[in-house]
Amino acid sequence: MRKNLIFKTAAAVLFTTILLCGCYNPSTVMSIDGTNVACGTYLIRQLSEAENAVAKLTDEQGSAVSLQDARSMSLEGTPFDQYVREKTIESCKRYIFTEQEFSKYGITIPNGVAYYYDSYCQNLWAEYSTFYMNNGISYDTFLNNTLNGYKYTLVFSYLYTDPQSPMCIPDDELSQCFRDNYRTISYIKLPDSNNDSSDFSADQVAEIESLADGLVDDLNAGAEMEDLFNERYSEALAIGHYTLSVQDSVVQANLSSDVLVSPLTTTEDPVLLSTVLSSPINTNGWVVGSNGVTYIYSIGDHVTSDTAWKDYSSYLAEILKADDFEAYVQSNMAAMSVQLDEKAADYYSVANIKTADR
């Protein structure tokens, strides 16, 4: 499932376990299209790219890889240090692209949102300021780098949802996307183990499946999900030898009503999500999720009005245009001119990074 672009903000600044030391302290590392990239911006992005690279190597090796070990390894056929530098330059180009587009279209950050980000960053700064300051990174650099991630989403939103943009998606296309990709579902989660946490026997699994068939039959006959839960969930509890009542809050948590889901949803089980999104509205059924839980689901009509889609326009645009936007970004980045200060880059290179405890 594609990651939700709307909710990408400060992920590039959270690698706080690496500490840079030394005495040479240039103020800039490179310029992109004539715009200087401050050392703080370069350092934050290099730290993030180093973390990403170490994580990739850890996945490849199947066990934890330290930064020191990683430096003797390669990624995608490129030595680690060179790989991180290339990725850092690309990350800085994306940073400059975002700032350029944000300014070009006169986009602004709402006051309330700016206040939220400042408060959010101050809370992080209170915990990690020593590390960042030792890295030559000021609070303003930290805040601006975090805001850059939010600006990136605003640029996307402007290009595809603002009527002033030549790339704006027509309303009828957004409305159709809403009908095609969103569902309102209600569902019940049946127990997948006994009260003592032991696994169900084969006979108990068969009982759960039989109960699931019966619950779906009731839904098809017109029963409401909530009524069905209150009237028959005790049968599921009995199969697992539970002593809780249906009215218990722990049990009630197994009922979810009128949940709006889409391909961008990350809170629902992926098997359940895939099943309901590939089924028409007014469908009832059951499916065993990726976690082994049996879900009884009912797909309702999500179109409450002709304009309901407008509340989800940014998310709809992501479904339709995320790939197009990335191609647009890459095209702009490819056209950027880069002048790298080799001496500064060597000083701030991975070779001069040391890991440190907080």
Protein backbone atom coordinates (compact mmCIF):
# COMPACT_ATOMS: atom_id res chain seq x y z
CA MET A 1 0.00 0.00 0.00
CA ARG A 2 1.29 3.42 -0.84
CA LYS A 3 2.25 5.46 2.10
CA ASN A 4 0.04 8.39 2.86
CA LEU A 5 1.85 11.54 1.60
CA ILE A 6 -0.40 13.86 3.68
CA PHE A 7 0.88 12.56 6.90
CA LYS A 8 4.76 12.73 5.88
CA THR A 9 6.33 15.55 7.89
CA ALA A 10 9.39 15.21 10.15
CA ALA A 11 10.59 11.70 9.21
CA ALA A 12 13.79 13.04 7.62
CA VAL A 13 15.05 14.64 10.86
CA LEU A 14 14.63 11.93 13.44
CA PHE A 15 18.03 10.17 13.12
CA THR A 16 19.46 11.36 16.40
CA THR A 17 21.97 8.63 17.23
CA ILE A 18 24.85 9.98 15.14
CA LEU A 19 27.25 12.67 16.34
CA LEU A 20 29.66 14.67 14.21
CA CYS A 21 32.91 16.03 15.60
CA GLY A 22 35.74 18.21 14.32
CA CYS A 23 36.98 21.78 14.19
CA TYR A 24 36.50 22.90 10.56
CA ASN A 25 33.08 24.54 10.35
CA PRO A 26 32.02 25.83 6.90
CA SER A 27 28.63 27.54 6.80
CA THR A 28 27.54 26.00 3.50
CA VAL A 29 28.27 22.70 1.78
CA MET A 30 26.83 23.21 -1.67
CA SER A 31 24.63 25.42 -3.81
CA ILE A 32 21.69 24.25 -5.90
CA ASP A 33 20.45 26.50 -8.68
CA GLY A 34 22.39 29.29 -7.01
CA THR A 35 20.81 28.73 -3.59
CA ASN A 36 23.24 27.90 -0.81
CA VAL A 37 22.56 24.78 1.25
CA ALA A 38 23.51 25.47 4.85
CA CYS A 39 25.66 22.94 6.64
CA GLY A 40 22.85 22.27 9.12
CA THR A 41 20.45 21.28 6.35
CA TYR A 42 23.12 19.08 4.77
CA LEU A 43 23.94 17.43 8.10
CA ILE A 44 20.34 16.64 9.01
CA ARG A 45 19.71 15.12 5.62
CA GLN A 46 22.97 13.20 5.64
CA LEU A 47 22.09 11.75 9.05
CA SER A 48 18.74 10.63 7.72
CA GLU A 49 20.26 9.09 4.59
CA ALA A 50 22.92 7.33 6.67
CA GLU A 51 20.20 5.88 8.87
CA ASN A 52 18.22 4.75 5.83
CA ALA A 53 21.28 3.13 4.32
CA VAL A 54 22.16 1.31 7.54
CA ALA A 55 18.54 0.11 7.78
CA LYS A 56 18.68 -1.25 4.22
CA LEU A 57 21.87 -3.13 4.95
CA THR A 58 20.35 -4.50 8.15
CA ASP A 59 17.40 -5.81 6.12
CA GLU A 60 19.74 -7.34 3.55
CA GLN A 61 21.95 -8.98 6.17
CA GLY A 62 19.09 -10.14 8.38
CA SER A 63 20.83 -8.81 11.48
CA ALA A 64 21.79 -5.44 12.93
CA VAL A 65 24.53 -3.57 11.07
CA SER A 66 26.42 -0.76 12.79
CA LEU A 67 27.44 2.42 11.03
CA GLN A 68 31.08 1.40 11.39
CA ASP A 69 30.41 -1.97 9.74
CA ALA A 70 28.25 -0.36 7.07
CA ARG A 71 31.11 1.86 5.91
CA SER A 72 32.98 -1.18 4.60
CA MET A 73 29.93 -2.38 2.66
CA SER A 74 28.13 -1.36 -0.54
CA LEU A 75 24.56 -0.56 -1.51
CA GLU A 76 23.28 -1.01 -5.05
CA GLY A 77 26.85 -1.58 -6.16
CA THR A 78 28.06 1.70 -4.63
CA PRO A 79 30.40 2.01 -1.63
CA PHE A 80 28.49 3.07 1.48
CA ASP A 81 30.08 6.52 1.94
CA GLN A 82 29.56 7.44 -1.70
CA TYR A 83 26.01 6.06 -1.64
CA VAL A 84 25.10 8.23 1.36
CA ARG A 85 26.66 11.33 -0.21
CA GLU A 86 24.72 10.85 -3.44
CA LYS A 87 21.50 10.30 -1.53
CA THR A 88 22.18 13.38 0.60
CA ILE A 89 22.68 15.55 -2.47
CA GLU A 90 19.38 14.25 -3.87
CA SER A 91 17.67 14.96 -0.56
CA CYS A 92 19.02 18.52 -0.55
CA LYS A 93 17.77 18.98 -4.12
CA ARG A 94 14.30 17.90 -2.98
CA TYR A 95 14.55 20.41 -0.13
CA ILE A 96 15.39 23.24 -2.55
CA PHE A 97 12.71 22.12 -5.01
CA THR A 98 10.12 22.35 -2.25
CA GLU A 99 11.24 25.83 -1.18
CA GLN A 100 11.26 27.04 -4.79
CA GLU A 101 7.79 25.71 -5.58
CA PHE A 102 6.39 26.98 -2.28
CA SER A 103 7.64 30.48 -3.08
CA LYS A 104 6.77 30.31 -6.78
CA TYR A 105 3.08 29.70 -6.13
CA GLY A 106 2.79 32.00 -3.11
CA ILE A 107 1.72 29.19 -0.81
CA THR A 108 1.55 29.99 2.90
CA ILE A 109 1.42 27.94 6.07
CA PRO A 110 -1.72 28.67 8.16
CA ASN A 111 -0.90 30.37 11.46
CA GLY A 112 -2.43 27.58 13.52
CA VAL A 113 -0.38 24.96 11.70
CA ALA A 114 2.82 26.99 12.05
CA TYR A 115 2.19 27.23 15.79
CA TYR A 116 1.65 23.47 15.98
CA TYR A 117 4.93 22.73 14.21
CA ASP A 118 6.85 25.17 16.38
CA SER A 119 5.42 23.53 19.51
CA TYR A 120 6.11 20.06 18.13
CA CYS A 121 9.71 20.92 17.30
CA GLN A 122 10.30 22.62 20.64
CA ASN A 123 9.24 19.43 22.41
CA LEU A 124 11.70 17.39 20.33
CA TRP A 125 14.39 20.03 20.75
CA ALA A 126 14.09 19.87 24.53
CA GLU A 127 15.04 16.20 24.33
CA TYR A 128 17.60 16.21 21.51
CA SER A 129 19.06 19.74 21.48
CA THR A 130 22.47 18.66 22.79
CA PHE A 131 22.91 16.22 19.93
CA TYR A 132 21.81 18.68 17.29
CA MET A 133 23.85 21.55 18.68
CA ASN A 134 26.93 19.33 18.84
CA ASN A 135 26.24 18.55 15.20
CA GLY A 136 26.25 22.27 14.38
CA ILE A 137 22.48 22.29 13.90
CA SER A 138 20.51 25.18 15.37
CA TYR A 139 16.88 25.14 16.42
CA ASP A 140 15.94 27.33 13.42
CA THR A 141 17.57 24.82 11.07
CA PHE A 142 15.76 21.97 12.81
CA LEU A 143 12.41 23.78 12.58
CA ASN A 144 12.88 24.87 8.97
CA ASN A 145 13.86 21.37 7.90
CA THR A 146 10.76 19.96 9.57
CA LEU A 147 8.54 22.62 8.00
CA ASN A 148 10.02 21.78 4.62
CA GLY A 149 8.37 18.37 4.84
CA TYR A 150 5.01 20.02 5.46
CA LYS A 151 5.59 22.51 2.66
CA TYR A 152 6.15 19.55 0.34
CA THR A 153 2.62 18.33 1.02
CA LEU A 154 1.23 21.84 0.52
CA VAL A 155 2.92 22.06 -2.87
CA PHE A 156 1.32 18.76 -3.86
CA SER A 157 -2.08 19.91 -2.61
CA TYR A 158 -1.85 23.23 -4.47
CA LEU A 159 -0.83 21.66 -7.77
CA TYR A 160 -3.64 19.13 -7.84
CA THR A 161 -6.51 20.65 -5.83
CA ASP A 162 -6.25 24.45 -6.17
CA PRO A 163 -8.40 25.85 -9.01
CA GLN A 164 -5.62 28.34 -9.80
CA SER A 165 -3.23 25.53 -10.70
CA PRO A 166 -3.12 24.35 -14.34
CA MET A 167 -2.62 20.82 -12.95
CA CYS A 168 -5.77 20.91 -10.79
CA ILE A 169 -7.80 17.70 -10.97
CA PRO A 170 -11.38 18.25 -12.25
CA ASP A 171 -14.12 17.88 -9.64
CA ASP A 172 -15.83 15.06 -11.50
CA GLU A 173 -12.60 13.04 -11.50
CA LEU A 174 -12.15 13.54 -7.75
CA SER A 175 -15.79 12.63 -7.13
CA GLN A 176 -15.48 9.44 -9.17
CA CYS A 177 -12.27 8.54 -7.34
CA PHE A 178 -14.13 8.89 -4.05
CA ARG A 179 -16.87 6.54 -5.22
CA ASP A 180 -14.34 4.05 -6.59
CA ASN A 181 -11.88 4.00 -3.72
CA TYR A 182 -13.73 4.73 -0.50
CA ARG A 183 -16.00 2.44 1.47
CA THR A 184 -17.81 2.77 4.78
CA ILE A 185 -17.60 -0.52 6.63
CA SER A 186 -18.79 -2.01 9.90
CA TYR A 187 -17.18 -5.14 11.22
CA ILE A 188 -16.95 -7.59 14.10
CA LYS A 189 -13.72 -9.27 15.18
CA LEU A 190 -14.21 -12.82 16.41
CA PRO A 191 -11.81 -14.39 18.94
CA ASP A 192 -8.84 -16.26 17.48
CA SER A 193 -7.67 -17.93 20.69
CA ASN A 194 -8.95 -19.17 24.04
CA ASN A 195 -9.42 -17.21 27.23
CA ASP A 196 -6.12 -18.66 28.49
CA SER A 197 -4.36 -17.48 25.28
CA SER A 198 -4.01 -21.02 23.95
CA ASP A 199 -4.66 -21.63 20.26
CA PHE A 200 -8.03 -22.83 19.05
CA SER A 201 -8.33 -26.50 18.25
CA ALA A 202 -9.43 -27.58 14.78
CA ASP A 203 -12.95 -28.12 16.15
CA GLN A 204 -13.03 -24.58 17.60
CA VAL A 205 -11.86 -23.11 14.30
CA ALA A 206 -14.71 -24.95 12.59
CA GLU A 207 -17.15 -23.53 15.17
CA ILE A 208 -15.88 -19.99 14.52
CA GLU A 209 -16.29 -20.48 10.77
CA SER A 210 -19.81 -21.84 11.26
CA LEU A 211 -20.67 -18.85 13.46
CA ALA A 212 -19.25 -16.51 10.82
CA ASP A 213 -21.46 -18.10 8.16
CA GLY A 214 -24.49 -17.66 10.39
CA LEU A 215 -23.72 -14.02 11.16
CA VAL A 216 -23.36 -13.22 7.46
CA ASP A 217 -26.68 -14.95 6.78
CA ASP A 218 -28.29 -12.73 9.43
CA LEU A 219 -26.78 -9.62 7.85
CA ASN A 220 -28.06 -10.66 4.44
CA ALA A 221 -31.49 -11.13 6.00
CA GLY A 222 -31.48 -7.49 7.16
CA ALA A 223 -29.94 -7.60 10.63
CA GLU A 224 -27.93 -4.55 11.79
CA MET A 225 -24.31 -5.15 12.71
CA GLU A 226 -24.60 -3.60 16.19
CA ASP A 227 -27.77 -5.56 17.03
CA LEU A 228 -26.18 -8.75 15.74
CA PHE A 229 -23.11 -8.16 17.87
CA ASN A 230 -25.12 -7.59 21.05
CA GLU A 231 -27.39 -10.58 20.39
CA ARG A 232 -24.93 -13.22 19.19
CA TYR A 233 -21.37 -12.34 20.19
CA SER A 234 -21.83 -14.36 23.35
CA GLU A 235 -21.64 -17.43 21.11
CA ALA A 236 -18.12 -16.43 20.07
CA LEU A 237 -17.15 -15.88 23.70
CA ALA A 238 -18.44 -19.34 24.57
CA ILE A 239 -16.32 -20.96 21.87
CA GLY A 240 -13.21 -19.47 23.47
CA HIS A 241 -14.35 -20.17 27.03
CA TYR A 242 -14.44 -16.47 27.92
CA THR A 243 -16.22 -15.36 31.09
CA LEU A 244 -16.66 -11.74 29.94
CA SER A 245 -20.09 -10.43 28.98
CA VAL A 246 -20.91 -8.77 25.68
CA GLN A 247 -21.44 -5.49 27.55
CA ASP A 248 -17.85 -5.44 28.82
CA SER A 249 -15.81 -2.60 27.28
CA VAL A 250 -13.05 -5.02 26.25
CA VAL A 251 -15.57 -7.06 24.30
CA GLN A 252 -17.30 -3.99 22.84
CA ALA A 253 -13.96 -3.00 21.29
CA ASN A 254 -14.47 -5.90 18.85
CA LEU A 255 -17.28 -3.97 17.17
CA SER A 256 -16.42 -1.15 14.74
CA SER A 257 -19.21 0.83 13.10
CA ASP A 258 -19.22 3.08 10.03
CA VAL A 259 -15.45 3.24 9.47
CA LEU A 260 -14.45 5.08 6.29
CA VAL A 261 -11.58 3.30 4.55
CA SER A 262 -9.57 3.77 1.35
CA PRO A 263 -6.33 2.48 -0.22
CA LEU A 264 -4.53 4.99 2.02
CA THR A 265 -5.95 3.52 5.23
CA THR A 266 -3.29 2.12 7.55
CA THR A 267 -5.30 1.26 10.68
CA GLU A 268 -7.35 -1.64 9.34
CA ASP A 269 -6.05 -5.16 8.73
CA PRO A 270 -4.65 -5.27 5.15
CA VAL A 271 -6.54 -8.44 4.19
CA LEU A 272 -9.83 -6.99 5.44
CA LEU A 273 -9.06 -3.73 3.66
CA SER A 274 -8.21 -5.40 0.37
CA THR A 275 -11.36 -7.53 0.55
CA VAL A 276 -13.79 -4.68 1.18
CA LEU A 277 -12.19 -2.30 -1.33
CA SER A 278 -12.49 -4.92 -4.07
CA SER A 279 -16.16 -5.62 -3.26
CA PRO A 280 -19.27 -3.59 -4.17
CA ILE A 281 -21.26 -1.65 -1.59
CA ASN A 282 -24.01 -3.45 0.32
CA THR A 283 -21.89 -6.61 0.46
CA ASN A 284 -21.70 -8.72 3.62
CA GLY A 285 -19.11 -11.39 4.25
CA TRP A 286 -16.33 -12.70 6.42
CA VAL A 287 -12.60 -13.05 5.95
CA VAL A 288 -9.63 -14.22 7.99
CA GLY A 289 -7.23 -11.30 8.33
CA SER A 290 -3.45 -11.28 8.17
CA ASN A 291 -3.41 -11.52 11.97
CA GLY A 292 -5.55 -14.69 11.96
CA VAL A 293 -8.62 -12.85 13.26
CA THR A 294 -11.95 -13.58 11.60
CA TYR A 295 -13.75 -10.40 10.51
CA ILE A 296 -17.49 -10.22 9.82
CA TYR A 297 -17.94 -7.18 7.60
CA SER A 298 -20.68 -5.14 6.01
CA ILE A 299 -19.96 -2.58 3.29
CA GLY A 300 -22.24 0.45 3.33
CA ASP A 301 -22.90 3.37 1.01
CA HIS A 302 -20.33 6.07 1.70
CA VAL A 303 -21.85 8.76 -0.52
CA THR A 304 -23.81 10.85 1.97
CA SER A 305 -24.09 13.83 -0.40
CA ASP A 306 -22.96 14.94 -3.85
CA THR A 307 -20.17 16.99 -2.27
CA ALA A 308 -18.96 14.52 0.38
CA TRP A 309 -15.78 13.93 -1.63
CA LYS A 310 -14.61 17.53 -1.05
CA ASP A 311 -13.59 16.76 2.53
CA TYR A 312 -11.15 14.19 1.13
CA SER A 313 -9.85 16.05 -1.92
CA SER A 314 -6.20 15.98 -0.81
CA TYR A 315 -6.34 12.24 -0.17
CA LEU A 316 -8.14 11.62 -3.46
CA ALA A 317 -5.48 13.63 -5.25
CA GLU A 318 -2.84 11.41 -3.68
CA ILE A 319 -4.56 8.28 -4.94
CA LEU A 320 -4.73 9.76 -8.43
CA LYS A 321 -1.53 11.76 -8.71
CA ALA A 322 1.13 10.62 -6.22
CA ASP A 323 3.12 8.87 -8.96
CA ASP A 324 2.69 11.82 -11.35
CA PHE A 325 3.89 14.21 -8.66
CA GLU A 326 7.00 12.14 -7.96
CA ALA A 327 7.78 12.17 -11.70
CA TYR A 328 7.28 15.95 -11.70
CA VAL A 329 9.64 16.32 -8.73
CA GLN A 330 12.27 14.09 -10.29
CA SER A 331 12.09 16.00 -13.57
CA ASN A 332 12.66 19.30 -11.78
CA MET A 333 15.45 17.88 -9.65
CA ALA A 334 17.21 16.49 -12.72
CA ALA A 335 17.31 19.98 -14.22
CA MET A 336 18.93 21.53 -11.13
CA SER A 337 22.55 22.64 -11.24
CA VAL A 338 24.68 21.57 -8.27
CA GLN A 339 27.95 23.09 -7.13
CA LEU A 340 29.43 20.99 -4.33
CA ASP A 341 32.14 22.32 -2.02
CA GLU A 342 34.25 19.16 -1.96
CA LYS A 343 36.25 20.26 1.07
CA ALA A 344 33.11 20.94 3.09
CA ALA A 345 31.48 17.70 1.89
CA ASP A 346 34.58 15.74 2.86
CA TYR A 347 34.58 17.30 6.30
CA TYR A 348 30.91 16.53 6.83
CA SER A 349 31.20 13.12 5.20
CA VAL A 350 30.23 9.81 6.76
CA ALA A 351 33.92 9.27 7.52
CA ASN A 352 33.67 11.99 10.18
CA ILE A 353 30.47 10.74 11.79
CA LYS A 354 30.62 8.98 15.11
CA THR A 355 27.83 7.21 16.92
CA ALA A 356 27.09 8.36 20.47
CA ASP A 357 24.66 7.60 23.25
CA ARG A 358 22.21 10.29 24.31
